[in-house]
Amino acid sequence: MFTLDQIKAAHSKVKSGADFPNYIQDLIKLGITYYETFVSDGHTVFQEKIIIKLLPTKI
């Protein structure tokens, strides 16, 4: 799970377009698999991959 502070720290390293690939790699390292920025108001939604495993159990 990631925090807003971690995203802000990764974002603060971006000074130009040349830094963008490293920014994406930092987000991937945080576990972010998808993000979407809304032009209408500028907010961004970050998502991580959630894996749920159901194991057979004895009842």
Protein backbone atom coordinates (compact mmCIF):
# COMPACT_ATOMS: atom_id res chain seq x y z
CA MET A 1 0.00 0.00 0.00
CA PHE A 2 1.23 3.48 -0.79
CA THR A 3 0.74 6.84 0.90
CA LEU A 4 0.17 10.32 -0.46
CA ASP A 5 3.52 11.37 1.02
CA GLN A 6 5.29 8.65 -1.01
CA ILE A 7 3.61 9.86 -4.20
CA LYS A 8 4.53 13.46 -3.42
CA ALA A 9 8.16 12.44 -2.79
CA ALA A 10 8.35 10.66 -6.14
CA HIS A 11 6.67 13.61 -7.89
CA SER A 12 9.07 16.12 -6.33
CA LYS A 13 11.97 14.48 -8.21
CA VAL A 14 10.45 15.42 -11.59
CA LYS A 15 12.09 18.57 -12.90
CA SER A 16 11.61 18.01 -16.65
CA GLY A 17 10.13 15.58 -19.13
CA ALA A 18 13.38 13.63 -19.07
CA ASP A 19 12.60 12.67 -15.44
CA PHE A 20 9.19 11.22 -16.28
CA PRO A 21 10.33 7.62 -16.98
CA ASN A 22 12.03 7.48 -13.57
CA TYR A 23 8.87 8.90 -11.97
CA ILE A 24 6.81 6.10 -13.49
CA GLN A 25 9.33 3.53 -12.24
CA ASP A 26 9.09 5.03 -8.74
CA LEU A 27 5.29 4.70 -8.88
CA ILE A 28 5.60 1.08 -9.99
CA LYS A 29 7.95 0.39 -7.06
CA LEU A 30 5.26 1.78 -4.75
CA GLY A 31 2.82 -0.77 -6.16
CA ILE A 32 0.82 1.64 -8.30
CA THR A 33 -0.43 -0.13 -11.40
CA TYR A 34 -2.72 2.55 -12.83
CA TYR A 35 -3.42 6.23 -12.46
CA GLU A 36 -5.84 8.60 -14.11
CA THR A 37 -5.76 12.41 -14.03
CA PHE A 38 -8.99 14.30 -14.65
CA VAL A 39 -8.58 17.43 -16.75
CA SER A 40 -11.89 18.87 -15.52
CA ASP A 41 -10.55 19.57 -12.02
CA GLY A 42 -6.97 18.22 -11.95
CA HIS A 43 -7.46 15.44 -9.40
CA THR A 44 -5.65 12.14 -9.86
CA VAL A 45 -6.75 8.65 -8.87
CA PHE A 46 -3.96 6.15 -8.13
CA GLN A 47 -4.70 2.44 -7.98
CA GLU A 48 -2.76 -0.59 -6.92
CA LYS A 49 -3.23 -4.19 -7.93
CA ILE A 50 -5.10 -6.07 -5.26
CA ILE A 51 -4.70 -9.82 -5.25
CA ILE A 52 -7.10 -11.88 -3.20
CA LYS A 53 -6.41 -15.56 -2.82
CA LEU A 54 -9.05 -17.90 -1.48
CA LEU A 55 -7.54 -21.03 -0.05
CA PRO A 56 -9.57 -24.17 0.60
CA THR A 57 -10.20 -24.75 4.26
CA LYS A 58 -11.75 -27.51 6.28
CA ILE A 59 -15.16 -26.73 7.68
